[in-house]
Amino acid sequence: MSKIWNVFWKEKGKNIEWSAEGMLHSKDLKEISNTVLNHLNKKNLKEISLLELGSGLGITSLFFGYNGANVTLLDKSEEARDLAKEYWANYSKHKFVISDLFEFNTKVRYDIITSFGLCEHFVGKQRKEVLQKHVNLLKDKGVAIISVPYKYGIFYRAAKKLAEVFGFWDFGLEIPFSKKELIEFAKHNKLDYELIMSGTYSSAYDLFVRKPLKALKINTKRRFDGVKSKLDNHLGSGLMIILKK
C-alpha cells in the first residue's frame, strides 16, 4: 500500500484538487472546528494539539493550523512530506513525522486526532487497529474525527467502479464503511459520537460528468464539495464520525 501512495504523491501530488485557499474557507471545516471547540470548552484553536494520521499533505489540517492549532502530520511517504512543505509554506507551520502508523508510539497525547481517507484502505485486524489508534492517542476529553467513504453511497460506488474499469483508479484497495461499523466502534470504546453524511451532489457529478470525461482524457475540476442535500443521509459518498471522550 505504501508503494502505491509513494507513486501517487510523486506523480500527482502537485496537481492535487483541493487548494490551500479553498481549505481555509471551508464551511464544513469551520462547522467541525466549532463542534470540537464546544466539546473542549475552548474559544479558539490556539495551543490545541492535533495529529493527523496518514496525512499526506495535511490538506484538512491546514485549516486547523492556520487558526492556531499545533499540528503534527504523520505519514510514511517522504514525497508527501516534501509536498506538504510547499502546501503549508505561505499559511502555517506544522511538524511532519515519517512513520508507519502501526509502528508509531509516543507518550504524547493529543486534543484532536484526525484522518481523512485513511481507514478504508485496511481490512481485517489492521482495519480495527487503525480505528483504535485514533482513540489511544487522545487526551482525556479529546476528539477524534474519522472521515471515510460510505458503503451505500451508490454514486460513489459506481464512479469508483468506472475508474477501475478504465484504469484510472489511483488509490489501491479501498473498502468503504457502513454507519453500523463506525457506531459499533464508538460504543465499544464507550464514546459519545456524532455522524455527518455528505457528498450526494459531488459524487453524482463525479459519476455522470467527471469520470466519463476523464475516460476521454478530458480533465475537469471537482464541483459541489461541501454542498448539502437532504439525500446525503442515504446517497452521500462521505461518512464522518466525530468521537468525543
C-alpha atoms as a PDB file:
ATOM      1  CA  MET A   1       0.000   0.000   0.000  1.00  0.00           C
ATOM      2  CA  SER A   2       2.792   2.456   0.860  1.00  0.00           C
ATOM      3  CA  LYS A   3       4.296   1.928  -2.610  1.00  0.00           C
ATOM      4  CA  ILE A   4       1.005   2.939  -4.242  1.00  0.00           C
ATOM      5  CA  TRP A   5       0.881   6.155  -2.245  1.00  0.00           C
ATOM      6  CA  ASN A   6       4.529   7.000  -2.905  1.00  0.00           C
ATOM      7  CA  VAL A   7       3.794   6.753  -6.619  1.00  0.00           C
ATOM      8  CA  PHE A   8       0.611   8.789  -6.224  1.00  0.00           C
ATOM      9  CA  TRP A   9       2.314  11.657  -4.385  1.00  0.00           C
ATOM     10  CA  LYS A  10       5.289  11.618  -6.742  1.00  0.00           C
ATOM     11  CA  GLU A  11       3.263  11.644  -9.945  1.00  0.00           C
ATOM     12  CA  LYS A  12       0.100  13.532  -8.995  1.00  0.00           C
ATOM     13  CA  GLY A  13       0.749  15.306  -5.709  1.00  0.00           C
ATOM     14  CA  LYS A  14       1.441  18.678  -7.298  1.00  0.00           C
ATOM     15  CA  ASN A  15      -1.895  18.571  -9.096  1.00  0.00           C
ATOM     16  CA  ILE A  16      -3.974  17.854  -6.008  1.00  0.00           C
ATOM     17  CA  GLU A  17      -7.562  19.016  -6.432  1.00  0.00           C
ATOM     18  CA  TRP A  18      -8.006  20.764  -3.082  1.00  0.00           C
ATOM     19  CA  SER A  19      -6.334  24.173  -2.938  1.00  0.00           C
ATOM     20  CA  ALA A  20      -4.967  25.608   0.293  1.00  0.00           C
ATOM     21  CA  GLU A  21      -7.138  28.699  -0.088  1.00  0.00           C
ATOM     22  CA  GLY A  22     -10.201  26.522  -0.527  1.00  0.00           C
ATOM     23  CA  MET A  23      -9.453  24.637   2.673  1.00  0.00           C
ATOM     24  CA  LEU A  24      -9.012  27.825   4.672  1.00  0.00           C
ATOM     25  CA  HIS A  25     -12.500  28.970   3.656  1.00  0.00           C
ATOM     26  CA  SER A  26     -14.227  25.611   4.028  1.00  0.00           C
ATOM     27  CA  LYS A  27     -17.625  25.936   5.712  1.00  0.00           C
ATOM     28  CA  ASP A  28     -17.570  22.232   6.583  1.00  0.00           C
ATOM     29  CA  LEU A  29     -14.246  22.511   8.410  1.00  0.00           C
ATOM     30  CA  LYS A  30     -15.495  25.614  10.206  1.00  0.00           C
ATOM     31  CA  GLU A  31     -18.521  23.683  11.468  1.00  0.00           C
ATOM     32  CA  ILE A  32     -16.342  20.757  12.553  1.00  0.00           C
ATOM     33  CA  SER A  33     -13.991  23.155  14.310  1.00  0.00           C
ATOM     34  CA  ASN A  34     -16.892  24.694  16.228  1.00  0.00           C
ATOM     35  CA  THR A  35     -18.062  21.225  17.304  1.00  0.00           C
ATOM     36  CA  VAL A  36     -14.577  20.432  18.584  1.00  0.00           C
ATOM     37  CA  LEU A  37     -14.205  23.742  20.421  1.00  0.00           C
ATOM     38  CA  ASN A  38     -17.572  23.299  22.125  1.00  0.00           C
ATOM     39  CA  HIS A  39     -16.554  19.866  23.374  1.00  0.00           C
ATOM     40  CA  LEU A  40     -13.137  21.065  24.540  1.00  0.00           C
ATOM     41  CA  ASN A  41     -14.729  24.151  26.111  1.00  0.00           C
ATOM     42  CA  LYS A  42     -12.327  26.422  24.202  1.00  0.00           C
ATOM     43  CA  LYS A  43     -12.908  29.713  22.423  1.00  0.00           C
ATOM     44  CA  ASN A  44     -10.288  29.150  19.732  1.00  0.00           C
ATOM     45  CA  LEU A  45      -7.762  26.611  18.456  1.00  0.00           C
ATOM     46  CA  LYS A  46      -4.667  28.241  19.928  1.00  0.00           C
ATOM     47  CA  GLU A  47      -2.473  25.804  21.876  1.00  0.00           C
ATOM     48  CA  ILE A  48      -4.720  22.891  20.902  1.00  0.00           C
ATOM     49  CA  SER A  49      -2.724  19.913  19.635  1.00  0.00           C
ATOM     50  CA  LEU A  50      -3.790  17.968  16.551  1.00  0.00           C
ATOM     51  CA  LEU A  51      -2.392  14.800  14.996  1.00  0.00           C
ATOM     52  CA  GLU A  52      -3.452  13.718  11.516  1.00  0.00           C
ATOM     53  CA  LEU A  53      -2.839  10.042  10.756  1.00  0.00           C
ATOM     54  CA  GLY A  54      -1.939   9.061   7.208  1.00  0.00           C
ATOM     55  CA  SER A  55      -1.903  12.755   6.487  1.00  0.00           C
ATOM     56  CA  GLY A  56      -0.426  13.051   3.023  1.00  0.00           C
ATOM     57  CA  LEU A  57      -0.163  16.822   2.560  1.00  0.00           C
ATOM     58  CA  GLY A  58      -2.313  17.536   5.593  1.00  0.00           C
ATOM     59  CA  ILE A  59      -4.940  19.191   3.423  1.00  0.00           C
ATOM     60  CA  THR A  60      -7.687  19.464   6.031  1.00  0.00           C
ATOM     61  CA  SER A  61      -5.285  20.040   8.922  1.00  0.00           C
ATOM     62  CA  LEU A  62      -4.147  23.259   7.241  1.00  0.00           C
ATOM     63  CA  PHE A  63      -7.419  24.858   8.355  1.00  0.00           C
ATOM     64  CA  PHE A  64      -6.709  23.982  11.989  1.00  0.00           C
ATOM     65  CA  GLY A  65      -3.048  25.024  11.800  1.00  0.00           C
ATOM     66  CA  TYR A  66      -3.893  28.348  10.175  1.00  0.00           C
ATOM     67  CA  ASN A  67      -6.330  29.048  13.004  1.00  0.00           C
ATOM     68  CA  GLY A  68      -3.823  28.372  15.756  1.00  0.00           C
ATOM     69  CA  ALA A  69      -3.632  24.615  16.401  1.00  0.00           C
ATOM     70  CA  ASN A  70      -0.275  22.898  16.886  1.00  0.00           C
ATOM     71  CA  VAL A  71      -0.405  20.371  14.042  1.00  0.00           C
ATOM     72  CA  THR A  72       1.568  17.158  13.645  1.00  0.00           C
ATOM     73  CA  LEU A  73       1.269  15.255  10.367  1.00  0.00           C
ATOM     74  CA  LEU A  74       2.079  11.542  10.318  1.00  0.00           C
ATOM     75  CA  ASP A  75       2.738   9.710   7.083  1.00  0.00           C
ATOM     76  CA  LYS A  76       5.141   7.114   5.743  1.00  0.00           C
ATOM     77  CA  SER A  77       5.765   8.944   2.469  1.00  0.00           C
ATOM     78  CA  GLU A  78       8.773  11.237   2.053  1.00  0.00           C
ATOM     79  CA  GLU A  79       7.179  12.537  -1.147  1.00  0.00           C
ATOM     80  CA  ALA A  80       4.135  13.635   0.876  1.00  0.00           C
ATOM     81  CA  ARG A  81       6.392  15.354   3.420  1.00  0.00           C
ATOM     82  CA  ASP A  82       8.134  17.367   0.718  1.00  0.00           C
ATOM     83  CA  LEU A  83       4.850  18.368  -0.888  1.00  0.00           C
ATOM     84  CA  ALA A  84       3.415  19.318   2.498  1.00  0.00           C
ATOM     85  CA  LYS A  85       6.218  21.843   2.930  1.00  0.00           C
ATOM     86  CA  GLU A  86       5.077  23.561  -0.250  1.00  0.00           C
ATOM     87  CA  TYR A  87       1.377  23.274   0.550  1.00  0.00           C
ATOM     88  CA  TRP A  88       1.774  24.814   4.007  1.00  0.00           C
ATOM     89  CA  ALA A  89       4.558  27.274   3.198  1.00  0.00           C
ATOM     90  CA  ASN A  90       2.555  30.504   2.969  1.00  0.00           C
ATOM     91  CA  TYR A  91      -0.010  29.723   5.638  1.00  0.00           C
ATOM     92  CA  SER A  92       1.121  27.955   8.779  1.00  0.00           C
ATOM     93  CA  LYS A  93       3.747  25.823  10.481  1.00  0.00           C
ATOM     94  CA  HIS A  94       3.484  22.112  11.128  1.00  0.00           C
ATOM     95  CA  LYS A  95       5.540  19.167  12.293  1.00  0.00           C
ATOM     96  CA  PHE A  96       5.877  16.192   9.954  1.00  0.00           C
ATOM     97  CA  VAL A  97       6.689  12.729  11.301  1.00  0.00           C
ATOM     98  CA  ILE A  98       7.652   9.985   8.851  1.00  0.00           C
ATOM     99  CA  SER A  99       6.471   6.689  10.302  1.00  0.00           C
ATOM    100  CA  ASP A 100       4.325   3.660   9.671  1.00  0.00           C
ATOM    101  CA  LEU A 101       1.224   4.484  11.706  1.00  0.00           C
ATOM    102  CA  PHE A 102       1.109   0.987  13.224  1.00  0.00           C
ATOM    103  CA  GLU A 103       4.665   1.417  14.488  1.00  0.00           C
ATOM    104  CA  PHE A 104       4.153   4.959  15.747  1.00  0.00           C
ATOM    105  CA  ASN A 105       4.453   5.018  19.518  1.00  0.00           C
ATOM    106  CA  THR A 106       4.624   8.117  21.638  1.00  0.00           C
ATOM    107  CA  LYS A 107       3.837   9.213  25.181  1.00  0.00           C
ATOM    108  CA  VAL A 108       2.359  12.416  23.773  1.00  0.00           C
ATOM    109  CA  ARG A 109      -1.414  12.645  23.745  1.00  0.00           C
ATOM    110  CA  TYR A 110      -3.398  14.998  21.521  1.00  0.00           C
ATOM    111  CA  ASP A 111      -6.547  17.087  21.850  1.00  0.00           C
ATOM    112  CA  ILE A 112      -7.631  16.138  18.331  1.00  0.00           C
ATOM    113  CA  ILE A 113      -6.823  13.085  16.209  1.00  0.00           C
ATOM    114  CA  THR A 114      -7.978  13.130  12.580  1.00  0.00           C
ATOM    115  CA  SER A 115      -7.836  11.070   9.433  1.00  0.00           C
ATOM    116  CA  PHE A 116      -9.429  11.794   6.072  1.00  0.00           C
ATOM    117  CA  GLY A 117      -9.485   8.944   3.595  1.00  0.00           C
ATOM    118  CA  LEU A 118      -7.240   6.580   5.563  1.00  0.00           C
ATOM    119  CA  CYS A 119      -9.131   3.806   7.356  1.00  0.00           C
ATOM    120  CA  GLU A 120     -10.870   2.432   4.260  1.00  0.00           C
ATOM    121  CA  HIS A 121      -7.531   1.221   2.885  1.00  0.00           C
ATOM    122  CA  PHE A 122      -7.238  -1.516   5.519  1.00  0.00           C
ATOM    123  CA  VAL A 123      -9.038  -4.786   6.184  1.00  0.00           C
ATOM    124  CA  GLY A 124      -9.209  -7.369   8.950  1.00  0.00           C
ATOM    125  CA  LYS A 125      -7.083  -6.820  12.028  1.00  0.00           C
ATOM    126  CA  GLN A 126      -5.403  -3.704  10.652  1.00  0.00           C
ATOM    127  CA  ARG A 127      -8.787  -2.082   9.989  1.00  0.00           C
ATOM    128  CA  LYS A 128      -9.624  -2.387  13.678  1.00  0.00           C
ATOM    129  CA  GLU A 129      -6.141  -1.278  14.711  1.00  0.00           C
ATOM    130  CA  VAL A 130      -6.176   1.884  12.623  1.00  0.00           C
ATOM    131  CA  LEU A 131      -9.525   2.915  14.116  1.00  0.00           C
ATOM    132  CA  GLN A 132      -8.282   2.224  17.619  1.00  0.00           C
ATOM    133  CA  LYS A 133      -5.161   4.323  17.030  1.00  0.00           C
ATOM    134  CA  HIS A 134      -7.381   7.413  16.880  1.00  0.00           C
ATOM    135  CA  VAL A 135      -8.642   6.747  20.401  1.00  0.00           C
ATOM    136  CA  ASN A 136      -5.445   5.505  22.038  1.00  0.00           C
ATOM    137  CA  LEU A 137      -3.539   8.701  21.266  1.00  0.00           C
ATOM    138  CA  LEU A 138      -6.253  11.062  22.549  1.00  0.00           C
ATOM    139  CA  LYS A 139      -6.099  13.120  25.716  1.00  0.00           C
ATOM    140  CA  ASP A 140      -8.935  12.844  28.197  1.00  0.00           C
ATOM    141  CA  LYS A 141     -11.821  14.924  26.807  1.00  0.00           C
ATOM    142  CA  GLY A 142     -10.195  14.707  23.354  1.00  0.00           C
ATOM    143  CA  VAL A 143     -11.948  14.462  19.988  1.00  0.00           C
ATOM    144  CA  ALA A 144     -11.283  12.061  17.111  1.00  0.00           C
ATOM    145  CA  ILE A 145     -12.501  12.852  13.596  1.00  0.00           C
ATOM    146  CA  ILE A 146     -12.607   9.983  11.108  1.00  0.00           C
ATOM    147  CA  SER A 147     -13.754  10.567   7.534  1.00  0.00           C
ATOM    148  CA  VAL A 148     -14.289   7.614   5.181  1.00  0.00           C
ATOM    149  CA  PRO A 149     -16.329   6.774   2.057  1.00  0.00           C
ATOM    150  CA  TYR A 150     -19.840   5.475   2.688  1.00  0.00           C
ATOM    151  CA  LYS A 151     -20.558   1.852   1.803  1.00  0.00           C
ATOM    152  CA  TYR A 152     -24.041   2.558   0.457  1.00  0.00           C
ATOM    153  CA  GLY A 153     -23.234   5.745  -1.469  1.00  0.00           C
ATOM    154  CA  ILE A 154     -24.352   4.448  -4.867  1.00  0.00           C
ATOM    155  CA  PHE A 155     -22.888   7.312  -6.930  1.00  0.00           C
ATOM    156  CA  TYR A 156     -19.510   6.903  -5.215  1.00  0.00           C
ATOM    157  CA  ARG A 157     -19.541   3.119  -5.749  1.00  0.00           C
ATOM    158  CA  ALA A 158     -20.457   3.458  -9.412  1.00  0.00           C
ATOM    159  CA  ALA A 159     -17.835   6.161 -10.035  1.00  0.00           C
ATOM    160  CA  LYS A 160     -15.185   4.029  -8.319  1.00  0.00           C
ATOM    161  CA  LYS A 161     -16.103   1.050 -10.495  1.00  0.00           C
ATOM    162  CA  LEU A 162     -15.948   3.170 -13.624  1.00  0.00           C
ATOM    163  CA  ALA A 163     -12.489   4.422 -12.660  1.00  0.00           C
ATOM    164  CA  GLU A 164     -11.298   0.858 -12.057  1.00  0.00           C
ATOM    165  CA  VAL A 165     -12.656  -0.390 -15.385  1.00  0.00           C
ATOM    166  CA  PHE A 166     -10.960   2.392 -17.356  1.00  0.00           C
ATOM    167  CA  GLY A 167      -7.712   2.130 -15.405  1.00  0.00           C
ATOM    168  CA  PHE A 168      -7.547   5.492 -13.675  1.00  0.00           C
ATOM    169  CA  TRP A 169      -8.226   4.380 -10.119  1.00  0.00           C
ATOM    170  CA  ASP A 170      -5.132   5.553  -8.194  1.00  0.00           C
ATOM    171  CA  PHE A 171      -5.865   4.513  -4.623  1.00  0.00           C
ATOM    172  CA  GLY A 172      -5.379   0.755  -4.418  1.00  0.00           C
ATOM    173  CA  LEU A 173      -7.540  -1.226  -2.005  1.00  0.00           C
ATOM    174  CA  GLU A 174     -10.488   0.817  -0.722  1.00  0.00           C
ATOM    175  CA  ILE A 175     -13.265  -0.787   1.316  1.00  0.00           C
ATOM    176  CA  PRO A 176     -15.900   1.796   2.344  1.00  0.00           C
ATOM    177  CA  PHE A 177     -17.577   1.839   5.752  1.00  0.00           C
ATOM    178  CA  SER A 178     -21.155   1.453   6.888  1.00  0.00           C
ATOM    179  CA  LYS A 179     -22.634   3.599   9.631  1.00  0.00           C
ATOM    180  CA  LYS A 180     -23.072   0.458  11.727  1.00  0.00           C
ATOM    181  CA  GLU A 181     -19.357  -0.349  11.668  1.00  0.00           C
ATOM    182  CA  LEU A 182     -18.371   3.074  12.978  1.00  0.00           C
ATOM    183  CA  ILE A 183     -21.173   3.221  15.544  1.00  0.00           C
ATOM    184  CA  GLU A 184     -20.176  -0.173  16.932  1.00  0.00           C
ATOM    185  CA  PHE A 185     -16.606   1.062  17.238  1.00  0.00           C
ATOM    186  CA  ALA A 186     -17.762   4.146  19.150  1.00  0.00           C
ATOM    187  CA  LYS A 187     -19.913   2.078  21.508  1.00  0.00           C
ATOM    188  CA  HIS A 188     -17.111  -0.445  22.069  1.00  0.00           C
ATOM    189  CA  ASN A 189     -14.912   2.413  23.286  1.00  0.00           C
ATOM    190  CA  LYS A 190     -17.781   3.968  25.259  1.00  0.00           C
ATOM    191  CA  LEU A 191     -17.517   7.234  23.363  1.00  0.00           C
ATOM    192  CA  ASP A 192     -20.126   9.809  22.514  1.00  0.00           C
ATOM    193  CA  TYR A 193     -20.360  10.265  18.770  1.00  0.00           C
ATOM    194  CA  GLU A 194     -21.861  12.347  16.001  1.00  0.00           C
ATOM    195  CA  LEU A 195     -22.337  11.135  12.419  1.00  0.00           C
ATOM    196  CA  ILE A 196     -22.127  13.517   9.477  1.00  0.00           C
ATOM    197  CA  MET A 197     -23.102  12.499   5.939  1.00  0.00           C
ATOM    198  CA  SER A 198     -22.200  14.394   2.776  1.00  0.00           C
ATOM    199  CA  GLY A 199     -21.453  14.180  -0.915  1.00  0.00           C
ATOM    200  CA  THR A 200     -24.614  13.349  -2.880  1.00  0.00           C
ATOM    201  CA  TYR A 201     -24.152  16.147  -5.405  1.00  0.00           C
ATOM    202  CA  SER A 202     -20.368  15.869  -5.653  1.00  0.00           C
ATOM    203  CA  SER A 203     -20.409  12.087  -6.133  1.00  0.00           C
ATOM    204  CA  ALA A 204     -23.227  12.292  -8.699  1.00  0.00           C
ATOM    205  CA  TYR A 205     -21.225  14.899 -10.613  1.00  0.00           C
ATOM    206  CA  ASP A 206     -18.184  12.609 -10.465  1.00  0.00           C
ATOM    207  CA  LEU A 207     -20.176   9.700 -11.864  1.00  0.00           C
ATOM    208  CA  PHE A 208     -22.073  11.446 -14.639  1.00  0.00           C
ATOM    209  CA  VAL A 209     -19.588  14.148 -15.665  1.00  0.00           C
ATOM    210  CA  ARG A 210     -16.008  13.923 -14.379  1.00  0.00           C
ATOM    211  CA  LYS A 211     -15.371  10.178 -14.739  1.00  0.00           C
ATOM    212  CA  PRO A 212     -16.819   9.857 -18.280  1.00  0.00           C
ATOM    213  CA  LEU A 213     -14.822  12.898 -19.387  1.00  0.00           C
ATOM    214  CA  LYS A 214     -11.683  11.539 -17.757  1.00  0.00           C
ATOM    215  CA  ALA A 215     -12.160   8.300 -19.700  1.00  0.00           C
ATOM    216  CA  LEU A 216     -11.998  10.538 -22.797  1.00  0.00           C
ATOM    217  CA  LYS A 217      -8.776  12.157 -21.484  1.00  0.00           C
ATOM    218  CA  ILE A 218     -10.608  15.363 -20.544  1.00  0.00           C
ATOM    219  CA  ASN A 219      -9.900  16.582 -17.004  1.00  0.00           C
ATOM    220  CA  THR A 220     -12.425  18.732 -15.171  1.00  0.00           C
ATOM    221  CA  LYS A 221     -12.377  20.304 -11.712  1.00  0.00           C
ATOM    222  CA  ARG A 222     -14.286  18.979  -8.728  1.00  0.00           C
ATOM    223  CA  ARG A 223     -17.635  20.593  -8.047  1.00  0.00           C
ATOM    224  CA  PHE A 224     -20.222  20.656  -5.255  1.00  0.00           C
ATOM    225  CA  ASP A 225     -17.788  19.788  -2.441  1.00  0.00           C
ATOM    226  CA  GLY A 226     -19.449  20.930   0.765  1.00  0.00           C
ATOM    227  CA  VAL A 227     -22.898  21.343  -0.817  1.00  0.00           C
ATOM    228  CA  LYS A 228     -25.513  19.799   1.472  1.00  0.00           C
ATOM    229  CA  SER A 229     -28.507  17.750   0.387  1.00  0.00           C
ATOM    230  CA  LYS A 230     -31.416  16.052   2.133  1.00  0.00           C
ATOM    231  CA  LEU A 231     -30.351  12.945   0.227  1.00  0.00           C
ATOM    232  CA  ASP A 232     -26.905  12.844   1.856  1.00  0.00           C
ATOM    233  CA  ASN A 233     -28.072  10.523   4.615  1.00  0.00           C
ATOM    234  CA  HIS A 234     -28.903   7.847   2.030  1.00  0.00           C
ATOM    235  CA  LEU A 235     -26.902   8.575  -1.131  1.00  0.00           C
ATOM    236  CA  GLY A 236     -23.953  10.616   0.103  1.00  0.00           C
ATOM    237  CA  SER A 237     -20.425   9.421  -0.617  1.00  0.00           C
ATOM    238  CA  GLY A 238     -18.877  10.698   2.607  1.00  0.00           C
ATOM    239  CA  LEU A 239     -19.293   9.348   6.138  1.00  0.00           C
ATOM    240  CA  MET A 240     -17.678  11.132   9.065  1.00  0.00           C
ATOM    241  CA  ILE A 241     -17.813  10.238  12.718  1.00  0.00           C
ATOM    242  CA  ILE A 242     -16.781  12.648  15.468  1.00  0.00           C
ATOM    243  CA  LEU A 243     -15.835  10.721  18.594  1.00  0.00           C
ATOM    244  CA  LYS A 244     -15.810  12.515  21.951  1.00  0.00           C
ATOM    245  CA  LYS A 245     -14.006  11.236  25.027  1.00  0.00           C
END
